[in-house]
Structures are given as structure tokens and as C-alpha cells.
Amino acid sequence: MSYNGGIATHSRAVKTRHRQVFGGLCAELGRSIRDGSEITGAPGQPRKTSNLYFSWIDRFLAPFRWEMATNVKYAGFVEDNVRGVTFRNGGPHSVKLTILGAPRVLDVVVTRFRNA
């Protein structure tokens, strides 16, 4: 294999790994917001009616651009726990804790792919 061929092969491998890590990162961040996560400490969405839980939609906007959003009007009140409610399952601050814990999530995802 020539030098240029080796560089091209390595470049393809790096791009593939980046896509895999990004996909794993998005999946883990979505899980943290929706279901909660031991990595971020996020409790996940409350499931009294499951309306908020099932309203979260994630989508890829570009090759390395992802978002997760909800159209439920009271989502912000639940996130901030405006009324001081005690939740039986799930709870407030899942989005905030996920954002704060994103560097830890990235470390875990990279470690999973490194050890695979």
C-alpha cells in the first residue's frame, strides 16, 4: 500500500469512528433526558401520563448536528419544578443535568468504542 493509500484508509477509519461516537453520544444524551442516566444523574421524565415522556423527539439536522426537543407547553415548568412537586418516577432538571453531564457522557461513549 502506498503512503497516500494508507492516509486515505486511515482518514476513512477516523471519519467512521467519529460518526459512531457522535451517534453513541446522541443516543446516550437522549436516554439521559428521557429515561434518566447514571452517568449524568438526570432522573428522566416523569411518567404520570407519559405525555411529556413520549413528546421528546430527537433528530439529526446535519452530519454532526443533533437536537432533542418537545412541543409540550408545560415541559419548562416540569424541568424547573416551578410548583415544587415531588415526583414518583422521573423528575425535574433532566435537561440541565444532561447538559452539565455531557462531557462525562462523551468520555463514557469514547471509552466504549475504544474498548470495543
PDB file of N, CA and C in Angstrom:
ATOM      1  N   MET A   1       0.852  -1.173   0.000  1.00  0.00           N
ATOM      2  CA  MET A   1       0.000   0.000   0.000  1.00  0.00           C
ATOM      3  C   MET A   1       0.896   1.234   0.000  1.00  0.00           C
ATOM      4  N   SER A   2       0.523   2.191  -0.814  1.00  0.00           N
ATOM      5  CA  SER A   2       1.299   3.417  -0.904  1.00  0.00           C
ATOM      6  C   SER A   2       1.014   4.311   0.300  1.00  0.00           C
ATOM      7  N   TYR A   3       1.851   5.310   0.458  1.00  0.00           N
ATOM      8  CA  TYR A   3       1.677   6.272   1.543  1.00  0.00           C
ATOM      9  C   TYR A   3       0.314   6.955   1.445  1.00  0.00           C
ATOM     10  N   ASN A   4      -0.046   7.430   0.239  1.00  0.00           N
ATOM     11  CA  ASN A   4      -1.334   8.106   0.055  1.00  0.00           C
ATOM     12  C   ASN A   4      -2.497   7.157   0.304  1.00  0.00           C
ATOM     13  N   GLY A   5      -2.340   5.911  -0.097  1.00  0.00           N
ATOM     14  CA  GLY A   5      -3.383   4.910   0.159  1.00  0.00           C
ATOM     15  C   GLY A   5      -3.563   4.669   1.645  1.00  0.00           C
ATOM     16  N   GLY A   6      -2.459   4.655   2.375  1.00  0.00           N
ATOM     17  CA  GLY A   6      -2.520   4.476   3.825  1.00  0.00           C
ATOM     18  C   GLY A   6      -3.195   5.648   4.518  1.00  0.00           C
ATOM     19  N   ILE A   7      -2.886   6.848   4.070  1.00  0.00           N
ATOM     20  CA  ILE A   7      -3.517   8.049   4.632  1.00  0.00           C
ATOM     21  C   ILE A   7      -5.018   8.030   4.369  1.00  0.00           C
ATOM     22  N   ALA A   8      -5.403   7.672   3.148  1.00  0.00           N
ATOM     23  CA  ALA A   8      -6.830   7.629   2.790  1.00  0.00           C
ATOM     24  C   ALA A   8      -7.571   6.592   3.626  1.00  0.00           C
ATOM     25  N   THR A   9      -6.954   5.434   3.822  1.00  0.00           N
ATOM     26  CA  THR A   9      -7.579   4.390   4.639  1.00  0.00           C
ATOM     27  C   THR A   9      -7.736   4.857   6.084  1.00  0.00           C
ATOM     28  N   HIS A  10      -6.697   5.466   6.613  1.00  0.00           N
ATOM     29  CA  HIS A  10      -6.761   5.977   7.983  1.00  0.00           C
ATOM     30  C   HIS A  10      -7.821   7.076   8.109  1.00  0.00           C
ATOM     31  N   SER A  11      -7.889   7.954   7.127  1.00  0.00           N
ATOM     32  CA  SER A  11      -8.868   9.042   7.134  1.00  0.00           C
ATOM     33  C   SER A  11     -10.294   8.494   7.148  1.00  0.00           C
ATOM     34  N   ARG A  12     -10.552   7.467   6.341  1.00  0.00           N
ATOM     35  CA  ARG A  12     -11.889   6.845   6.326  1.00  0.00           C
ATOM     36  C   ARG A  12     -12.203   6.213   7.672  1.00  0.00           C
ATOM     37  N   ALA A  13     -11.219   5.569   8.283  1.00  0.00           N
ATOM     38  CA  ALA A  13     -11.427   4.925   9.585  1.00  0.00           C
ATOM     39  C   ALA A  13     -11.738   5.965  10.662  1.00  0.00           C
ATOM     40  N   VAL A  14     -11.023   7.089  10.629  1.00  0.00           N
ATOM     41  CA  VAL A  14     -11.258   8.152  11.618  1.00  0.00           C
ATOM     42  C   VAL A  14     -12.649   8.745  11.431  1.00  0.00           C
ATOM     43  N   LYS A  15     -13.051   8.991  10.187  1.00  0.00           N
ATOM     44  CA  LYS A  15     -14.387   9.547   9.928  1.00  0.00           C
ATOM     45  C   LYS A  15     -15.482   8.582  10.380  1.00  0.00           C
ATOM     46  N   THR A  16     -15.277   7.305  10.133  1.00  0.00           N
ATOM     47  CA  THR A  16     -16.247   6.300  10.571  1.00  0.00           C
ATOM     48  C   THR A  16     -16.346   6.283  12.086  1.00  0.00           C
ATOM     49  N   ARG A  17     -15.216   6.327  12.753  1.00  0.00           N
ATOM     50  CA  ARG A  17     -15.212   6.320  14.222  1.00  0.00           C
ATOM     51  C   ARG A  17     -15.879   7.577  14.766  1.00  0.00           C
ATOM     52  N   HIS A  18     -15.644   8.720  14.153  1.00  0.00           N
ATOM     53  CA  HIS A  18     -16.292   9.963  14.589  1.00  0.00           C
ATOM     54  C   HIS A  18     -17.811   9.841  14.476  1.00  0.00           C
ATOM     55  N   ARG A  19     -18.293   9.289  13.362  1.00  0.00           N
ATOM     56  CA  ARG A  19     -19.745   9.110  13.190  1.00  0.00           C
ATOM     57  C   ARG A  19     -20.303   8.160  14.239  1.00  0.00           C
ATOM     58  N   GLN A  20     -19.577   7.088  14.532  1.00  0.00           N
ATOM     59  CA  GLN A  20     -20.025   6.126  15.539  1.00  0.00           C
ATOM     60  C   GLN A  20     -20.077   6.759  16.925  1.00  0.00           C
ATOM     61  N   VAL A  21     -19.047   7.504  17.270  1.00  0.00           N
ATOM     62  CA  VAL A  21     -19.012   8.156  18.584  1.00  0.00           C
ATOM     63  C   VAL A  21     -20.120   9.197  18.683  1.00  0.00           C
ATOM     64  N   PHE A  22     -20.319   9.988  17.628  1.00  0.00           N
ATOM     65  CA  PHE A  22     -21.365  11.001  17.649  1.00  0.00           C
ATOM     66  C   PHE A  22     -22.744  10.356  17.788  1.00  0.00           C
ATOM     67  N   GLY A  23     -22.987   9.294  17.051  1.00  0.00           N
ATOM     68  CA  GLY A  23     -24.258   8.578  17.172  1.00  0.00           C
ATOM     69  C   GLY A  23     -24.462   8.006  18.564  1.00  0.00           C
ATOM     70  N   GLY A  24     -23.410   7.433  19.135  1.00  0.00           N
ATOM     71  CA  GLY A  24     -23.484   6.910  20.508  1.00  0.00           C
ATOM     72  C   GLY A  24     -23.718   8.009  21.521  1.00  0.00           C
ATOM     73  N   LEU A  25     -23.073   9.149  21.310  1.00  0.00           N
ATOM     74  CA  LEU A  25     -23.255  10.294  22.197  1.00  0.00           C
ATOM     75  C   LEU A  25     -24.706  10.776  22.159  1.00  0.00           C
ATOM     76  N   CYS A  26     -25.263  10.922  20.963  1.00  0.00           N
ATOM     77  CA  CYS A  26     -26.649  11.386  20.820  1.00  0.00           C
ATOM     78  C   CYS A  26     -27.620  10.402  21.469  1.00  0.00           C
ATOM     79  N   ALA A  27     -27.397   9.118  21.269  1.00  0.00           N
ATOM     80  CA  ALA A  27     -28.265   8.102  21.868  1.00  0.00           C
ATOM     81  C   ALA A  27     -28.216   8.177  23.390  1.00  0.00           C
ATOM     82  N   GLU A  28     -27.026   8.335  23.946  1.00  0.00           N
ATOM     83  CA  GLU A  28     -26.880   8.381  25.405  1.00  0.00           C
ATOM     84  C   GLU A  28     -27.452   9.668  25.985  1.00  0.00           C
ATOM     85  N   LEU A  29     -27.289  10.790  25.292  1.00  0.00           N
ATOM     86  CA  LEU A  29     -27.877  12.055  25.763  1.00  0.00           C
ATOM     87  C   LEU A  29     -29.403  11.980  25.712  1.00  0.00           C
ATOM     88  N   GLY A  30     -29.941  11.388  24.651  1.00  0.00           N
ATOM     89  CA  GLY A  30     -31.395  11.215  24.559  1.00  0.00           C
ATOM     90  C   GLY A  30     -31.922  10.321  25.659  1.00  0.00           C
ATOM     91  N   ARG A  31     -31.204   9.254  25.955  1.00  0.00           N
ATOM     92  CA  ARG A  31     -31.595   8.356  27.047  1.00  0.00           C
ATOM     93  C   ARG A  31     -31.573   9.089  28.381  1.00  0.00           C
ATOM     94  N   SER A  32     -30.578   9.935  28.580  1.00  0.00           N
ATOM     95  CA  SER A  32     -30.464  10.692  29.825  1.00  0.00           C
ATOM     96  C   SER A  32     -31.664  11.616  30.020  1.00  0.00           C
ATOM     97  N   ILE A  33     -32.053  12.322  28.969  1.00  0.00           N
ATOM     98  CA  ILE A  33     -33.190  13.245  29.077  1.00  0.00           C
ATOM     99  C   ILE A  33     -34.486  12.470  29.277  1.00  0.00           C
ATOM    100  N   ARG A  34     -34.707  11.443  28.491  1.00  0.00           N
ATOM    101  CA  ARG A  34     -35.980  10.732  28.507  1.00  0.00           C
ATOM    102  C   ARG A  34     -36.093   9.761  29.678  1.00  0.00           C
ATOM    103  N   ASP A  35     -35.079   8.904  29.859  1.00  0.00           N
ATOM    104  CA  ASP A  35     -35.169   7.820  30.840  1.00  0.00           C
ATOM    105  C   ASP A  35     -34.367   8.055  32.110  1.00  0.00           C
ATOM    106  N   GLY A  36     -33.485   9.035  32.081  1.00  0.00           N
ATOM    107  CA  GLY A  36     -32.578   9.230  33.207  1.00  0.00           C
ATOM    108  C   GLY A  36     -31.265   8.507  32.942  1.00  0.00           C
ATOM    109  N   SER A  37     -30.243   8.864  33.690  1.00  0.00           N
ATOM    110  CA  SER A  37     -28.921   8.284  33.432  1.00  0.00           C
ATOM    111  C   SER A  37     -28.098   8.246  34.703  1.00  0.00           C
ATOM    112  N   GLU A  38     -27.404   7.133  34.879  1.00  0.00           N
ATOM    113  CA  GLU A  38     -26.464   7.014  35.989  1.00  0.00           C
ATOM    114  C   GLU A  38     -25.206   7.835  35.725  1.00  0.00           C
ATOM    115  N   ILE A  39     -24.961   8.183  34.486  1.00  0.00           N
ATOM    116  CA  ILE A  39     -23.771   8.963  34.132  1.00  0.00           C
ATOM    117  C   ILE A  39     -23.971  10.434  34.489  1.00  0.00           C
ATOM    118  N   THR A  40     -25.127  10.978  34.138  1.00  0.00           N
ATOM    119  CA  THR A  40     -25.383  12.410  34.364  1.00  0.00           C
ATOM    120  C   THR A  40     -26.105  12.680  35.675  1.00  0.00           C
ATOM    121  N   GLY A  41     -26.742  11.676  36.232  1.00  0.00           N
ATOM    122  CA  GLY A  41     -27.555  11.874  37.432  1.00  0.00           C
ATOM    123  C   GLY A  41     -28.942  12.419  37.118  1.00  0.00           C
ATOM    124  N   ALA A  42     -29.279  12.526  35.841  1.00  0.00           N
ATOM    125  CA  ALA A  42     -30.602  13.021  35.449  1.00  0.00           C
ATOM    126  C   ALA A  42     -31.664  11.989  35.816  1.00  0.00           C
ATOM    127  N   PRO A  43     -32.799  12.445  36.364  1.00  0.00           N
ATOM    128  CA  PRO A  43     -33.834  11.497  36.779  1.00  0.00           C
ATOM    129  C   PRO A  43     -34.732  10.999  35.646  1.00  0.00           C
ATOM    130  N   GLY A  44     -34.692  11.650  34.491  1.00  0.00           N
ATOM    131  CA  GLY A  44     -35.590  11.270  33.402  1.00  0.00           C
ATOM    132  C   GLY A  44     -36.926  11.990  33.532  1.00  0.00           C
ATOM    133  N   GLN A  45     -37.764  11.804  32.539  1.00  0.00           N
ATOM    134  CA  GLN A  45     -39.047  12.496  32.506  1.00  0.00           C
ATOM    135  C   GLN A  45     -40.068  11.796  33.392  1.00  0.00           C
ATOM    136  N   PRO A  46     -40.891  12.586  34.109  1.00  0.00           N
ATOM    137  CA  PRO A  46     -41.962  11.981  34.908  1.00  0.00           C
ATOM    138  C   PRO A  46     -42.945  11.246  33.995  1.00  0.00           C
ATOM    139  N   ARG A  47     -43.550  10.196  34.518  1.00  0.00           N
ATOM    140  CA  ARG A  47     -44.424   9.379  33.684  1.00  0.00           C
ATOM    141  C   ARG A  47     -45.829   9.240  34.251  1.00  0.00           C
ATOM    142  N   LYS A  48     -46.353  10.300  34.846  1.00  0.00           N
ATOM    143  CA  LYS A  48     -47.723  10.212  35.363  1.00  0.00           C
ATOM    144  C   LYS A  48     -48.696   9.909  34.231  1.00  0.00           C
ATOM    145  N   THR A  49     -48.609  10.648  33.137  1.00  0.00           N
ATOM    146  CA  THR A  49     -49.454  10.384  31.964  1.00  0.00           C
ATOM    147  C   THR A  49     -48.613   9.936  30.772  1.00  0.00           C
ATOM    148  N   SER A  50     -47.314  10.041  30.856  1.00  0.00           N
ATOM    149  CA  SER A  50     -46.352   9.726  29.788  1.00  0.00           C
ATOM    150  C   SER A  50     -46.442  10.678  28.598  1.00  0.00           C
ATOM    151  N   ASN A  51     -47.270  11.707  28.681  1.00  0.00           N
ATOM    152  CA  ASN A  51     -47.385  12.672  27.594  1.00  0.00           C
ATOM    153  C   ASN A  51     -46.051  13.376  27.356  1.00  0.00           C
ATOM    154  N   LEU A  52     -45.441  13.874  28.422  1.00  0.00           N
ATOM    155  CA  LEU A  52     -44.157  14.560  28.293  1.00  0.00           C
ATOM    156  C   LEU A  52     -43.069  13.584  27.867  1.00  0.00           C
ATOM    157  N   TYR A  53     -43.050  12.421  28.451  1.00  0.00           N
ATOM    158  CA  TYR A  53     -42.034  11.412  28.139  1.00  0.00           C
ATOM    159  C   TYR A  53     -42.002  11.094  26.639  1.00  0.00           C
ATOM    160  N   PHE A  54     -43.159  10.829  26.067  1.00  0.00           N
ATOM    161  CA  PHE A  54     -43.220  10.437  24.656  1.00  0.00           C
ATOM    162  C   PHE A  54     -43.160  11.626  23.694  1.00  0.00           C
ATOM    163  N   SER A  55     -43.209  12.839  24.217  1.00  0.00           N
ATOM    164  CA  SER A  55     -43.173  14.013  23.334  1.00  0.00           C
ATOM    165  C   SER A  55     -41.761  14.383  22.894  1.00  0.00           C
ATOM    166  N   TRP A  56     -40.743  13.873  23.563  1.00  0.00           N
ATOM    167  CA  TRP A  56     -39.363  14.217  23.216  1.00  0.00           C
ATOM    168  C   TRP A  56     -38.989  13.552  21.897  1.00  0.00           C
ATOM    169  N   ILE A  57     -38.583  14.372  20.941  1.00  0.00           N
ATOM    170  CA  ILE A  57     -38.187  13.900  19.615  1.00  0.00           C
ATOM    171  C   ILE A  57     -36.742  14.325  19.369  1.00  0.00           C
ATOM    172  N   ASP A  58     -35.934  13.378  18.944  1.00  0.00           N
ATOM    173  CA  ASP A  58     -34.562  13.743  18.581  1.00  0.00           C
ATOM    174  C   ASP A  58     -34.394  13.577  17.081  1.00  0.00           C
ATOM    175  N   ARG A  59     -33.553  14.438  16.516  1.00  0.00           N
ATOM    176  CA  ARG A  59     -33.326  14.393  15.072  1.00  0.00           C
ATOM    177  C   ARG A  59     -31.960  14.966  14.734  1.00  0.00           C
ATOM    178  N   PHE A  60     -31.432  14.465  13.629  1.00  0.00           N
ATOM    179  CA  PHE A  60     -30.165  14.960  13.111  1.00  0.00           C
ATOM    180  C   PHE A  60     -30.463  16.064  12.111  1.00  0.00           C
ATOM    181  N   LEU A  61     -29.845  17.218  12.318  1.00  0.00           N
ATOM    182  CA  LEU A  61     -30.061  18.375  11.457  1.00  0.00           C
ATOM    183  C   LEU A  61     -28.997  18.467  10.373  1.00  0.00           C
ATOM    184  N   ALA A  62     -27.841  17.913  10.626  1.00  0.00           N
ATOM    185  CA  ALA A  62     -26.703  17.910   9.710  1.00  0.00           C
ATOM    186  C   ALA A  62     -25.825  16.734  10.139  1.00  0.00           C
ATOM    187  N   PRO A  63     -24.767  16.436   9.414  1.00  0.00           N
ATOM    188  CA  PRO A  63     -23.948  15.275   9.766  1.00  0.00           C
ATOM    189  C   PRO A  63     -23.487  15.242  11.233  1.00  0.00           C
ATOM    190  N   PHE A  64     -23.125  16.362  11.808  1.00  0.00           N
ATOM    191  CA  PHE A  64     -22.704  16.376  13.207  1.00  0.00           C
ATOM    192  C   PHE A  64     -23.478  17.423  13.993  1.00  0.00           C
ATOM    193  N   ARG A  65     -24.764  17.512  13.709  1.00  0.00           N
ATOM    194  CA  ARG A  65     -25.634  18.447  14.431  1.00  0.00           C
ATOM    195  C   ARG A  65     -26.916  17.706  14.787  1.00  0.00           C
ATOM    196  N   TRP A  66     -27.234  17.697  16.079  1.00  0.00           N
ATOM    197  CA  TRP A  66     -28.351  16.920  16.595  1.00  0.00           C
ATOM    198  C   TRP A  66     -29.125  17.779  17.577  1.00  0.00           C
ATOM    199  N   GLU A  67     -30.434  17.570  17.654  1.00  0.00           N
ATOM    200  CA  GLU A  67     -31.225  18.268  18.666  1.00  0.00           C
ATOM    201  C   GLU A  67     -32.289  17.335  19.204  1.00  0.00           C
ATOM    202  N   MET A  68     -32.707  17.641  20.417  1.00  0.00           N
ATOM    203  CA  MET A  68     -33.812  16.931  21.042  1.00  0.00           C
ATOM    204  C   MET A  68     -34.755  17.988  21.557  1.00  0.00           C
ATOM    205  N   ALA A  69     -36.029  17.869  21.238  1.00  0.00           N
ATOM    206  CA  ALA A  69     -36.987  18.905  21.598  1.00  0.00           C
ATOM    207  C   ALA A  69     -38.346  18.285  21.918  1.00  0.00           C
ATOM    208  N   THR A  70     -39.170  19.080  22.561  1.00  0.00           N
ATOM    209  CA  THR A  70     -40.541  18.697  22.867  1.00  0.00           C
ATOM    210  C   THR A  70     -41.460  19.853  22.524  1.00  0.00           C
ATOM    211  N   ASN A  71     -42.694  19.541  22.211  1.00  0.00           N
ATOM    212  CA  ASN A  71     -43.671  20.592  21.946  1.00  0.00           C
ATOM    213  C   ASN A  71     -44.692  20.722  23.076  1.00  0.00           C
ATOM    214  N   VAL A  72     -44.468  20.043  24.178  1.00  0.00           N
ATOM    215  CA  VAL A  72     -45.374  20.112  25.323  1.00  0.00           C
ATOM    216  C   VAL A  72     -45.171  21.448  26.035  1.00  0.00           C
ATOM    217  N   LYS A  73     -46.247  22.181  26.185  1.00  0.00           N
ATOM    218  CA  LYS A  73     -46.161  23.547  26.718  1.00  0.00           C
ATOM    219  C   LYS A  73     -45.684  23.603  28.168  1.00  0.00           C
ATOM    220  N   TYR A  74     -45.977  22.588  28.952  1.00  0.00           N
ATOM    221  CA  TYR A  74     -45.598  22.617  30.367  1.00  0.00           C
ATOM    222  C   TYR A  74     -44.230  21.977  30.638  1.00  0.00           C
ATOM    223  N   ALA A  75     -43.499  21.622  29.593  1.00  0.00           N
ATOM    224  CA  ALA A  75     -42.196  20.964  29.772  1.00  0.00           C
ATOM    225  C   ALA A  75     -41.238  21.835  30.597  1.00  0.00           C
ATOM    226  N   GLY A  76     -41.235  23.135  30.333  1.00  0.00           N
ATOM    227  CA  GLY A  76     -40.360  24.035  31.090  1.00  0.00           C
ATOM    228  C   GLY A  76     -40.708  24.095  32.565  1.00  0.00           C
ATOM    229  N   PHE A  77     -41.988  24.012  32.882  1.00  0.00           N
ATOM    230  CA  PHE A  77     -42.414  24.029  34.286  1.00  0.00           C
ATOM    231  C   PHE A  77     -41.966  22.766  35.010  1.00  0.00           C
ATOM    232  N   VAL A  78     -42.030  21.638  34.311  1.00  0.00           N
ATOM    233  CA  VAL A  78     -41.562  20.381  34.901  1.00  0.00           C
ATOM    234  C   VAL A  78     -40.041  20.415  35.050  1.00  0.00           C
ATOM    235  N   GLU A  79     -39.344  20.882  34.017  1.00  0.00           N
ATOM    236  CA  GLU A  79     -37.879  20.951  34.059  1.00  0.00           C
ATOM    237  C   GLU A  79     -37.407  21.801  35.237  1.00  0.00           C
ATOM    238  N   ASP A  80     -38.061  22.936  35.440  1.00  0.00           N
ATOM    239  CA  ASP A  80     -37.662  23.846  36.520  1.00  0.00           C
ATOM    240  C   ASP A  80     -38.367  23.555  37.838  1.00  0.00           C
ATOM    241  N   ASN A  81     -39.301  22.611  37.837  1.00  0.00           N
ATOM    242  CA  ASN A  81     -40.093  22.248  39.020  1.00  0.00           C
ATOM    243  C   ASN A  81     -40.671  23.489  39.689  1.00  0.00           C
ATOM    244  N   VAL A  82     -41.354  24.276  38.906  1.00  0.00           N
ATOM    245  CA  VAL A  82     -41.901  25.557  39.339  1.00  0.00           C
ATOM    246  C   VAL A  82     -42.803  25.414  40.557  1.00  0.00           C
ATOM    247  N   ARG A  83     -43.580  24.343  40.613  1.00  0.00           N
ATOM    248  CA  ARG A  83     -44.533  24.158  41.718  1.00  0.00           C
ATOM    249  C   ARG A  83     -43.962  23.376  42.885  1.00  0.00           C
ATOM    250  N   GLY A  84     -42.734  22.930  42.803  1.00  0.00           N
ATOM    251  CA  GLY A  84     -42.120  22.187  43.909  1.00  0.00           C
ATOM    252  C   GLY A  84     -42.731  20.810  44.115  1.00  0.00           C
ATOM    253  N   VAL A  85     -43.108  20.162  43.037  1.00  0.00           N
ATOM    254  CA  VAL A  85     -43.779  18.863  43.086  1.00  0.00           C
ATOM    255  C   VAL A  85     -42.772  17.770  43.415  1.00  0.00           C
ATOM    256  N   THR A  86     -43.216  16.757  44.159  1.00  0.00           N
ATOM    257  CA  THR A  86     -42.429  15.553  44.368  1.00  0.00           C
ATOM    258  C   THR A  86     -42.912  14.514  43.367  1.00  0.00           C
ATOM    259  N   PHE A  87     -42.015  14.003  42.566  1.00  0.00           N
ATOM    260  CA  PHE A  87     -42.375  13.064  41.509  1.00  0.00           C
ATOM    261  C   PHE A  87     -42.146  11.637  41.978  1.00  0.00           C
ATOM    262  N   ARG A  88     -43.028  10.736  41.594  1.00  0.00           N
ATOM    263  CA  ARG A  88     -42.880   9.315  41.952  1.00  0.00           C
ATOM    264  C   ARG A  88     -41.837   8.629  41.078  1.00  0.00           C
ATOM    265  N   ASN A  89     -41.789   9.008  39.825  1.00  0.00           N
ATOM    266  CA  ASN A  89     -40.772   8.466  38.919  1.00  0.00           C
ATOM    267  C   ASN A  89     -40.334   9.592  38.001  1.00  0.00           C
ATOM    268  N   GLY A  90     -39.090   9.611  37.657  1.00  0.00           N
ATOM    269  CA  GLY A  90     -38.569  10.736  36.881  1.00  0.00           C
ATOM    270  C   GLY A  90     -38.507  11.963  37.768  1.00  0.00           C
ATOM    271  N   GLY A  91     -38.316  13.106  37.161  1.00  0.00           N
ATOM    272  CA  GLY A  91     -38.256  14.320  37.957  1.00  0.00           C
ATOM    273  C   GLY A  91     -37.746  15.501  37.184  1.00  0.00           C
ATOM    274  N   PRO A  92     -37.527  16.594  37.902  1.00  0.00           N
ATOM    275  CA  PRO A  92     -37.107  17.825  37.242  1.00  0.00           C
ATOM    276  C   PRO A  92     -35.616  17.825  36.896  1.00  0.00           C
ATOM    277  N   HIS A  93     -35.246  18.775  36.089  1.00  0.00           N
ATOM    278  CA  HIS A  93     -33.850  19.101  35.770  1.00  0.00           C
ATOM    279  C   HIS A  93     -33.129  18.077  34.893  1.00  0.00           C
ATOM    280  N   SER A  94     -33.863  17.212  34.204  1.00  0.00           N
ATOM    281  CA  SER A  94     -33.199  16.208  33.358  1.00  0.00           C
ATOM    282  C   SER A  94     -32.397  16.846  32.229  1.00  0.00           C
ATOM    283  N   VAL A  95     -32.937  17.900  31.632  1.00  0.00           N
ATOM    284  CA  VAL A  95     -32.221  18.549  30.528  1.00  0.00           C
ATOM    285  C   VAL A  95     -30.972  19.252  31.068  1.00  0.00           C
ATOM    286  N   LYS A  96     -31.129  19.989  32.144  1.00  0.00           N
ATOM    287  CA  LYS A  96     -29.985  20.712  32.722  1.00  0.00           C
ATOM    288  C   LYS A  96     -28.884  19.749  33.165  1.00  0.00           C
ATOM    289  N   LEU A  97     -29.271  18.680  33.855  1.00  0.00           N
ATOM    290  CA  LEU A  97     -28.263  17.725  34.318  1.00  0.00           C
ATOM    291  C   LEU A  97     -27.598  16.993  33.151  1.00  0.00           C
ATOM    292  N   THR A  98     -28.350  16.766  32.082  1.00  0.00           N
ATOM    293  CA  THR A  98     -27.764  16.130  30.907  1.00  0.00           C
ATOM    294  C   THR A  98     -26.752  17.054  30.238  1.00  0.00           C
ATOM    295  N   ILE A  99     -27.095  18.319  30.113  1.00  0.00           N
ATOM    296  CA  ILE A  99     -26.159  19.279  29.520  1.00  0.00           C
ATOM    297  C   ILE A  99     -24.888  19.380  30.364  1.00  0.00           C
ATOM    298  N   LEU A 100     -25.063  19.482  31.673  1.00  0.00           N
ATOM    299  CA  LEU A 100     -23.889  19.577  32.555  1.00  0.00           C
ATOM    300  C   LEU A 100     -23.052  18.298  32.532  1.00  0.00           C
ATOM    301  N   GLY A 101     -23.705  17.155  32.353  1.00  0.00           N
ATOM    302  CA  GLY A 101     -23.000  15.877  32.357  1.00  0.00           C
ATOM    303  C   GLY A 101     -22.522  15.427  30.993  1.00  0.00           C
ATOM    304  N   ALA A 102     -22.751  16.224  29.951  1.00  0.00           N
ATOM    305  CA  ALA A 102     -22.373  15.822  28.590  1.00  0.00           C
ATOM    306  C   ALA A 102     -20.890  15.465  28.448  1.00  0.00           C
ATOM    307  N   PRO A 103     -19.955  16.192  29.082  1.00  0.00           N
ATOM    308  CA  PRO A 103     -18.548  15.775  28.968  1.00  0.00           C
ATOM    309  C   PRO A 103     -18.301  14.370  29.539  1.00  0.00           C
ATOM    310  N   ARG A 104     -18.979  14.033  30.638  1.00  0.00           N
ATOM    311  CA  ARG A 104     -18.831  12.684  31.201  1.00  0.00           C
ATOM    312  C   ARG A 104     -19.424  11.646  30.256  1.00  0.00           C
ATOM    313  N   VAL A 105     -20.564  11.981  29.641  1.00  0.00           N
ATOM    314  CA  VAL A 105     -21.188  11.069  28.680  1.00  0.00           C
ATOM    315  C   VAL A 105     -20.238  10.824  27.514  1.00  0.00           C
ATOM    316  N   LEU A 106     -19.624  11.877  27.009  1.00  0.00           N
ATOM    317  CA  LEU A 106     -18.673  11.726  25.909  1.00  0.00           C
ATOM    318  C   LEU A 106     -17.523  10.811  26.314  1.00  0.00           C
ATOM    319  N   ASP A 107     -16.983  10.988  27.519  1.00  0.00           N
ATOM    320  CA  ASP A 107     -15.901  10.124  27.994  1.00  0.00           C
ATOM    321  C   ASP A 107     -16.330   8.660  28.017  1.00  0.00           C
ATOM    322  N   VAL A 108     -17.546   8.399  28.502  1.00  0.00           N
ATOM    323  CA  VAL A 108     -18.038   7.032  28.573  1.00  0.00           C
ATOM    324  C   VAL A 108     -18.222   6.444  27.182  1.00  0.00           C
ATOM    325  N   VAL A 109     -18.794   7.207  26.278  1.00  0.00           N
ATOM    326  CA  VAL A 109     -19.022   6.725  24.912  1.00  0.00           C
ATOM    327  C   VAL A 109     -17.694   6.442  24.203  1.00  0.00           C
ATOM    328  N   VAL A 110     -16.744   7.340  24.334  1.00  0.00           N
ATOM    329  CA  VAL A 110     -15.427   7.133  23.710  1.00  0.00           C
ATOM    330  C   VAL A 110     -14.762   5.895  24.291  1.00  0.00           C
ATOM    331  N   THR A 111     -14.849   5.699  25.586  1.00  0.00           N
ATOM    332  CA  THR A 111     -14.262   4.527  26.229  1.00  0.00           C
ATOM    333  C   THR A 111     -14.914   3.249  25.714  1.00  0.00           C
ATOM    334  N   ARG A 112     -16.239   3.265  25.529  1.00  0.00           N
ATOM    335  CA  ARG A 112     -16.931   2.083  24.994  1.00  0.00           C
ATOM    336  C   ARG A 112     -16.401   1.722  23.616  1.00  0.00           C
ATOM    337  N   PHE A 113     -16.221   2.731  22.749  1.00  0.00           N
ATOM    338  CA  PHE A 113     -15.737   2.444  21.393  1.00  0.00           C
ATOM    339  C   PHE A 113     -14.259   2.071  21.402  1.00  0.00           C
ATOM    340  N   ARG A 114     -13.504   2.640  22.310  1.00  0.00           N
ATOM    341  CA  ARG A 114     -12.080   2.324  22.386  1.00  0.00           C
ATOM    342  C   ARG A 114     -11.890   0.874  22.816  1.00  0.00           C
ATOM    343  N   ASN A 115     -12.754   0.411  23.715  1.00  0.00           N
ATOM    344  CA  ASN A 115     -12.629  -0.954  24.232  1.00  0.00           C
ATOM    345  C   ASN A 115     -13.341  -2.003  23.379  1.00  0.00           C
ATOM    346  N   ALA A 116     -14.062  -1.536  22.359  1.00  0.00           N
ATOM    347  CA  ALA A 116     -14.816  -2.494  21.510  1.00  0.00           C
ATOM    348  C   ALA A 116     -13.922  -3.187  20.521  1.00  0.00           C
TER     349      ALA A 116
END
